[in-house]
Amino acid sequence: MGKRAFNLPNMLTYARILAVPLIVLCFFLEGRLRSSDFARWSALALFLAASITDYFDGYLARAWQQTSNIGRMLDPIADKLLVSTCLLLLAADTDRTIAGWTLWAAIIILCREILVSGLREYLAALKVSVPVTQLAKWKTTIQMIAIGFLLLGPAGDKIVPYWTQVGITLLWISAIVTLYTGYDYFRAGVKHIIDE
């Protein structure tokens, strides 16, 4: 178990979890929550590195036959920590990157993640596995791209006009896909709950 816990795929997952507080720290470099251009570029660099590990940890675990229980458990947790922390940070930042109606997109994403996690945990106790669909993988990809755009936000607007608006549009698209995939999971899970 100890050897599997410290294989390269799992180390990449641990690094993704470690990136979460580091991204938050970028916005607090001046001792208070402030989203300077430097903070946003630093946060984006960390976020991109963390997002890349999301692809490689699973790919390497399968390619090298190094899948493990701890990896299967921590991989979705790392994704949810990264996404939820960034959404909360962007809602709280001084530039109000996520504000007004866009908060609803973030709320939909966060609620779905919590509800699906709860459903998975309940079904796991019944020894029922709910596989990740291809659409759910696309949902995660769109979310990550949207958050990347929004982390850079106003700093990106200085280079490419409407940078933040592209991020907000992608966030809404991911929220809509999130609703659909969440419904899919619940439809698959409800029959097991009713059967009980």
C-alpha atoms as a PDB file:
ATOM      1  CA  MET A   1       0.000   0.000   0.000  1.00  0.00           C
ATOM      2  CA  GLY A   2       2.803   2.414   0.947  1.00  0.00           C
ATOM      3  CA  LYS A   3       4.573   1.881  -2.378  1.00  0.00           C
ATOM      4  CA  ARG A   4       1.354   2.450  -4.345  1.00  0.00           C
ATOM      5  CA  ALA A   5       0.541   5.571  -2.354  1.00  0.00           C
ATOM      6  CA  PHE A   6       3.746   7.228  -3.573  1.00  0.00           C
ATOM      7  CA  ASN A   7       3.764   6.206  -7.227  1.00  0.00           C
ATOM      8  CA  LEU A   8       4.026   8.990  -9.829  1.00  0.00           C
ATOM      9  CA  PRO A   9       0.290   9.173 -10.710  1.00  0.00           C
ATOM     10  CA  ASN A  10      -0.602   9.620  -7.027  1.00  0.00           C
ATOM     11  CA  MET A  11       2.180  12.169  -6.535  1.00  0.00           C
ATOM     12  CA  LEU A  12       0.622  14.207  -9.369  1.00  0.00           C
ATOM     13  CA  THR A  13      -2.745  14.035  -7.583  1.00  0.00           C
ATOM     14  CA  TYR A  14      -1.126  15.205  -4.314  1.00  0.00           C
ATOM     15  CA  ALA A  15       0.494  18.069  -6.230  1.00  0.00           C
ATOM     16  CA  ARG A  16      -2.929  19.098  -7.563  1.00  0.00           C
ATOM     17  CA  ILE A  17      -4.300  19.214  -4.016  1.00  0.00           C
ATOM     18  CA  LEU A  18      -1.260  21.219  -2.867  1.00  0.00           C
ATOM     19  CA  ALA A  19      -1.840  23.711  -5.707  1.00  0.00           C
ATOM     20  CA  VAL A  20      -5.235  24.694  -4.226  1.00  0.00           C
ATOM     21  CA  PRO A  21      -3.933  26.720  -1.223  1.00  0.00           C
ATOM     22  CA  LEU A  22      -1.099  28.080  -3.382  1.00  0.00           C
ATOM     23  CA  ILE A  23      -3.600  29.519  -5.877  1.00  0.00           C
ATOM     24  CA  VAL A  24      -5.483  31.167  -2.995  1.00  0.00           C
ATOM     25  CA  LEU A  25      -2.182  32.492  -1.614  1.00  0.00           C
ATOM     26  CA  CYS A  26      -1.509  34.268  -4.927  1.00  0.00           C
ATOM     27  CA  PHE A  27      -4.511  36.520  -4.268  1.00  0.00           C
ATOM     28  CA  PHE A  28      -3.298  37.271  -0.725  1.00  0.00           C
ATOM     29  CA  LEU A  29       0.301  38.221  -1.551  1.00  0.00           C
ATOM     30  CA  GLU A  30      -0.232  41.727  -0.205  1.00  0.00           C
ATOM     31  CA  GLY A  31      -1.679  40.490   3.079  1.00  0.00           C
ATOM     32  CA  ARG A  32      -5.280  40.950   1.960  1.00  0.00           C
ATOM     33  CA  LEU A  33      -7.490  39.675  -0.839  1.00  0.00           C
ATOM     34  CA  ARG A  34      -6.374  41.649  -3.866  1.00  0.00           C
ATOM     35  CA  SER A  35      -6.330  40.460  -7.450  1.00  0.00           C
ATOM     36  CA  SER A  36      -3.372  42.299  -8.970  1.00  0.00           C
ATOM     37  CA  ASP A  37      -2.147  41.347 -12.456  1.00  0.00           C
ATOM     38  CA  PHE A  38       0.815  39.504 -10.918  1.00  0.00           C
ATOM     39  CA  ALA A  39      -1.521  37.576  -8.603  1.00  0.00           C
ATOM     40  CA  ARG A  40      -3.740  36.583 -11.524  1.00  0.00           C
ATOM     41  CA  TRP A  41      -0.865  35.442 -13.771  1.00  0.00           C
ATOM     42  CA  SER A  42       0.660  33.461 -10.878  1.00  0.00           C
ATOM     43  CA  ALA A  43      -2.684  31.844 -10.043  1.00  0.00           C
ATOM     44  CA  LEU A  44      -3.238  30.974 -13.709  1.00  0.00           C
ATOM     45  CA  ALA A  45       0.211  29.339 -13.984  1.00  0.00           C
ATOM     46  CA  LEU A  46      -0.480  27.180 -10.910  1.00  0.00           C
ATOM     47  CA  PHE A  47      -3.985  26.358 -12.125  1.00  0.00           C
ATOM     48  CA  LEU A  48      -2.725  25.293 -15.572  1.00  0.00           C
ATOM     49  CA  ALA A  49      -0.044  23.085 -13.996  1.00  0.00           C
ATOM     50  CA  ALA A  50      -2.666  21.517 -11.703  1.00  0.00           C
ATOM     51  CA  SER A  51      -5.091  20.995 -14.606  1.00  0.00           C
ATOM     52  CA  ILE A  52      -2.400  19.239 -16.641  1.00  0.00           C
ATOM     53  CA  THR A  53      -1.748  16.822 -13.764  1.00  0.00           C
ATOM     54  CA  ASP A  54      -5.455  15.926 -13.882  1.00  0.00           C
ATOM     55  CA  TYR A  55      -4.930  14.416 -17.321  1.00  0.00           C
ATOM     56  CA  PHE A  56      -1.573  12.796 -16.672  1.00  0.00           C
ATOM     57  CA  ASP A  57      -2.284  11.155 -13.307  1.00  0.00           C
ATOM     58  CA  GLY A  58      -5.121   9.060 -14.758  1.00  0.00           C
ATOM     59  CA  TYR A  59      -3.339   8.389 -18.044  1.00  0.00           C
ATOM     60  CA  LEU A  60      -0.117   7.239 -16.367  1.00  0.00           C
ATOM     61  CA  ALA A  61      -1.954   5.160 -13.757  1.00  0.00           C
ATOM     62  CA  ARG A  62      -3.688   3.208 -16.535  1.00  0.00           C
ATOM     63  CA  ALA A  63      -0.664   3.044 -18.880  1.00  0.00           C
ATOM     64  CA  TRP A  64       1.712   1.871 -16.145  1.00  0.00           C
ATOM     65  CA  GLN A  65      -0.925  -0.246 -14.373  1.00  0.00           C
ATOM     66  CA  GLN A  66      -0.426   1.756 -11.191  1.00  0.00           C
ATOM     67  CA  THR A  67      -4.066   2.335 -10.299  1.00  0.00           C
ATOM     68  CA  SER A  68      -4.711   2.332  -6.565  1.00  0.00           C
ATOM     69  CA  ASN A  69      -7.592   2.825  -4.159  1.00  0.00           C
ATOM     70  CA  ILE A  70      -6.086   6.038  -2.800  1.00  0.00           C
ATOM     71  CA  GLY A  71      -5.700   7.379  -6.348  1.00  0.00           C
ATOM     72  CA  ARG A  72      -9.301   6.506  -7.244  1.00  0.00           C
ATOM     73  CA  MET A  73     -10.479   8.228  -4.058  1.00  0.00           C
ATOM     74  CA  LEU A  74      -8.314  11.369  -4.235  1.00  0.00           C
ATOM     75  CA  ASP A  75      -8.526  12.124  -7.968  1.00  0.00           C
ATOM     76  CA  PRO A  76     -12.166  13.342  -7.983  1.00  0.00           C
ATOM     77  CA  ILE A  77     -11.634  15.043  -4.602  1.00  0.00           C
ATOM     78  CA  ALA A  78      -8.647  16.972  -6.010  1.00  0.00           C
ATOM     79  CA  ASP A  79     -10.751  18.103  -8.998  1.00  0.00           C
ATOM     80  CA  LYS A  80     -13.602  19.287  -6.771  1.00  0.00           C
ATOM     81  CA  LEU A  81     -11.237  21.109  -4.398  1.00  0.00           C
ATOM     82  CA  LEU A  82      -9.575  22.891  -7.317  1.00  0.00           C
ATOM     83  CA  VAL A  83     -12.825  23.908  -9.044  1.00  0.00           C
ATOM     84  CA  SER A  84     -14.779  24.906  -5.913  1.00  0.00           C
ATOM     85  CA  THR A  85     -11.891  26.884  -4.375  1.00  0.00           C
ATOM     86  CA  CYS A  86     -11.283  28.821  -7.593  1.00  0.00           C
ATOM     87  CA  LEU A  87     -14.994  29.609  -8.004  1.00  0.00           C
ATOM     88  CA  LEU A  88     -15.232  30.876  -4.417  1.00  0.00           C
ATOM     89  CA  LEU A  89     -12.033  32.899  -4.827  1.00  0.00           C
ATOM     90  CA  LEU A  90     -13.301  34.503  -8.032  1.00  0.00           C
ATOM     91  CA  ALA A  91     -16.622  35.372  -6.369  1.00  0.00           C
ATOM     92  CA  ALA A  92     -14.793  37.025  -3.450  1.00  0.00           C
ATOM     93  CA  ASP A  93     -12.022  38.857  -5.331  1.00  0.00           C
ATOM     94  CA  THR A  94     -11.906  42.648  -5.428  1.00  0.00           C
ATOM     95  CA  ASP A  95     -12.613  42.735  -9.184  1.00  0.00           C
ATOM     96  CA  ARG A  96     -15.818  40.698  -8.667  1.00  0.00           C
ATOM     97  CA  THR A  97     -14.932  38.441 -11.601  1.00  0.00           C
ATOM     98  CA  ILE A  98     -17.906  36.225 -10.773  1.00  0.00           C
ATOM     99  CA  ALA A  99     -20.784  38.444  -9.657  1.00  0.00           C
ATOM    100  CA  GLY A 100     -24.465  39.140 -10.259  1.00  0.00           C
ATOM    101  CA  TRP A 101     -26.230  36.535 -12.378  1.00  0.00           C
ATOM    102  CA  THR A 102     -22.941  34.710 -13.032  1.00  0.00           C
ATOM    103  CA  LEU A 103     -22.977  33.629  -9.389  1.00  0.00           C
ATOM    104  CA  TRP A 104     -25.833  31.298 -10.364  1.00  0.00           C
ATOM    105  CA  ALA A 105     -23.559  29.437 -12.770  1.00  0.00           C
ATOM    106  CA  ALA A 106     -21.019  28.933  -9.957  1.00  0.00           C
ATOM    107  CA  ILE A 107     -23.777  27.868  -7.531  1.00  0.00           C
ATOM    108  CA  ILE A 108     -25.129  25.306 -10.032  1.00  0.00           C
ATOM    109  CA  ILE A 109     -21.644  23.830 -10.458  1.00  0.00           C
ATOM    110  CA  LEU A 110     -20.948  23.700  -6.706  1.00  0.00           C
ATOM    111  CA  CYS A 111     -24.358  22.217  -5.838  1.00  0.00           C
ATOM    112  CA  ARG A 112     -24.040  19.544  -8.494  1.00  0.00           C
ATOM    113  CA  GLU A 113     -20.578  18.554  -7.251  1.00  0.00           C
ATOM    114  CA  ILE A 114     -21.843  18.196  -3.674  1.00  0.00           C
ATOM    115  CA  LEU A 115     -24.998  16.308  -4.664  1.00  0.00           C
ATOM    116  CA  VAL A 116     -23.222  13.886  -7.000  1.00  0.00           C
ATOM    117  CA  SER A 117     -20.502  13.257  -4.386  1.00  0.00           C
ATOM    118  CA  GLY A 118     -23.199  12.425  -1.841  1.00  0.00           C
ATOM    119  CA  LEU A 119     -24.961  10.134  -4.302  1.00  0.00           C
ATOM    120  CA  ARG A 120     -21.710   8.353  -5.176  1.00  0.00           C
ATOM    121  CA  GLU A 121     -20.914   7.840  -1.493  1.00  0.00           C
ATOM    122  CA  TYR A 122     -24.388   6.410  -0.824  1.00  0.00           C
ATOM    123  CA  LEU A 123     -24.227   4.099  -3.850  1.00  0.00           C
ATOM    124  CA  ALA A 124     -20.704   2.972  -2.927  1.00  0.00           C
ATOM    125  CA  ALA A 125     -22.122   1.714   0.382  1.00  0.00           C
ATOM    126  CA  LEU A 126     -24.583  -0.370  -1.703  1.00  0.00           C
ATOM    127  CA  LYS A 127     -21.632  -1.628  -3.799  1.00  0.00           C
ATOM    128  CA  VAL A 128     -23.018   0.184  -6.857  1.00  0.00           C
ATOM    129  CA  SER A 129     -20.568   1.932  -9.166  1.00  0.00           C
ATOM    130  CA  VAL A 130     -21.629   4.945 -11.244  1.00  0.00           C
ATOM    131  CA  PRO A 131     -19.140   5.293 -14.116  1.00  0.00           C
ATOM    132  CA  VAL A 132     -17.986   8.707 -15.314  1.00  0.00           C
ATOM    133  CA  THR A 133     -19.555   9.482 -18.688  1.00  0.00           C
ATOM    134  CA  GLN A 134     -17.762  11.055 -21.636  1.00  0.00           C
ATOM    135  CA  LEU A 135     -20.026  14.104 -21.324  1.00  0.00           C
ATOM    136  CA  ALA A 136     -18.990  14.492 -17.672  1.00  0.00           C
ATOM    137  CA  LYS A 137     -15.354  14.530 -18.798  1.00  0.00           C
ATOM    138  CA  TRP A 138     -16.199  17.273 -21.304  1.00  0.00           C
ATOM    139  CA  LYS A 139     -17.969  19.154 -18.530  1.00  0.00           C
ATOM    140  CA  THR A 140     -14.799  19.081 -16.447  1.00  0.00           C
ATOM    141  CA  THR A 141     -12.727  20.260 -19.422  1.00  0.00           C
ATOM    142  CA  ILE A 142     -15.066  23.210 -20.137  1.00  0.00           C
ATOM    143  CA  GLN A 143     -15.059  24.111 -16.420  1.00  0.00           C
ATOM    144  CA  MET A 144     -11.270  24.113 -16.287  1.00  0.00           C
ATOM    145  CA  ILE A 145     -10.983  26.286 -19.411  1.00  0.00           C
ATOM    146  CA  ALA A 146     -13.617  28.713 -18.062  1.00  0.00           C
ATOM    147  CA  ILE A 147     -11.846  29.002 -14.713  1.00  0.00           C
ATOM    148  CA  GLY A 148      -8.517  29.543 -16.485  1.00  0.00           C
ATOM    149  CA  PHE A 149     -10.018  32.468 -18.401  1.00  0.00           C
ATOM    150  CA  LEU A 150     -11.617  33.899 -15.256  1.00  0.00           C
ATOM    151  CA  LEU A 151      -8.505  33.531 -13.078  1.00  0.00           C
ATOM    152  CA  LEU A 152      -6.660  35.775 -15.508  1.00  0.00           C
ATOM    153  CA  GLY A 153      -9.787  37.953 -15.871  1.00  0.00           C
ATOM    154  CA  PRO A 154      -9.016  41.706 -16.043  1.00  0.00           C
ATOM    155  CA  ALA A 155      -5.308  40.997 -16.604  1.00  0.00           C
ATOM    156  CA  GLY A 156      -6.320  39.067 -19.742  1.00  0.00           C
ATOM    157  CA  ASP A 157      -8.668  41.865 -20.846  1.00  0.00           C
ATOM    158  CA  LYS A 158      -5.618  44.139 -21.143  1.00  0.00           C
ATOM    159  CA  ILE A 159      -4.175  41.803 -23.798  1.00  0.00           C
ATOM    160  CA  VAL A 160      -7.294  40.360 -25.483  1.00  0.00           C
ATOM    161  CA  PRO A 161     -10.599  42.273 -25.413  1.00  0.00           C
ATOM    162  CA  TYR A 162     -13.544  40.410 -23.836  1.00  0.00           C
ATOM    163  CA  TRP A 163     -11.247  37.833 -22.215  1.00  0.00           C
ATOM    164  CA  THR A 164     -13.365  37.807 -19.035  1.00  0.00           C
ATOM    165  CA  GLN A 165     -16.608  37.640 -21.042  1.00  0.00           C
ATOM    166  CA  VAL A 166     -15.349  34.521 -22.828  1.00  0.00           C
ATOM    167  CA  GLY A 167     -14.682  32.970 -19.408  1.00  0.00           C
ATOM    168  CA  ILE A 168     -18.159  33.871 -18.162  1.00  0.00           C
ATOM    169  CA  THR A 169     -19.774  32.429 -21.309  1.00  0.00           C
ATOM    170  CA  LEU A 170     -17.812  29.191 -20.893  1.00  0.00           C
ATOM    171  CA  LEU A 171     -18.796  29.064 -17.213  1.00  0.00           C
ATOM    172  CA  TRP A 172     -22.477  29.241 -18.184  1.00  0.00           C
ATOM    173  CA  ILE A 173     -21.987  26.529 -20.817  1.00  0.00           C
ATOM    174  CA  SER A 174     -20.321  24.310 -18.221  1.00  0.00           C
ATOM    175  CA  ALA A 175     -23.158  25.033 -15.759  1.00  0.00           C
ATOM    176  CA  ILE A 176     -25.731  23.884 -18.337  1.00  0.00           C
ATOM    177  CA  VAL A 177     -23.739  20.717 -19.103  1.00  0.00           C
ATOM    178  CA  THR A 178     -23.325  20.260 -15.338  1.00  0.00           C
ATOM    179  CA  LEU A 179     -27.117  20.269 -14.874  1.00  0.00           C
ATOM    180  CA  TYR A 180     -27.531  17.655 -17.587  1.00  0.00           C
ATOM    181  CA  THR A 181     -24.794  15.332 -16.293  1.00  0.00           C
ATOM    182  CA  GLY A 182     -26.076  15.764 -12.728  1.00  0.00           C
ATOM    183  CA  TYR A 183     -29.548  14.716 -13.907  1.00  0.00           C
ATOM    184  CA  ASP A 184     -27.971  11.719 -15.678  1.00  0.00           C
ATOM    185  CA  TYR A 185     -26.237  10.584 -12.478  1.00  0.00           C
ATOM    186  CA  PHE A 186     -29.380  10.971 -10.409  1.00  0.00           C
ATOM    187  CA  ARG A 187     -31.478   9.096 -12.945  1.00  0.00           C
ATOM    188  CA  ALA A 188     -28.952   6.237 -12.820  1.00  0.00           C
ATOM    189  CA  GLY A 189     -28.786   6.350  -9.022  1.00  0.00           C
ATOM    190  CA  VAL A 190     -32.466   6.767  -8.161  1.00  0.00           C
ATOM    191  CA  LYS A 191     -33.421   3.284  -9.340  1.00  0.00           C
ATOM    192  CA  HIS A 192     -30.963   1.792  -6.808  1.00  0.00           C
ATOM    193  CA  ILE A 193     -32.335   4.038  -4.054  1.00  0.00           C
ATOM    194  CA  ILE A 194     -35.953   3.062  -4.884  1.00  0.00           C
ATOM    195  CA  ASP A 195     -35.022  -0.640  -5.038  1.00  0.00           C
ATOM    196  CA  GLU A 196     -33.681  -0.376  -1.491  1.00  0.00           C
END
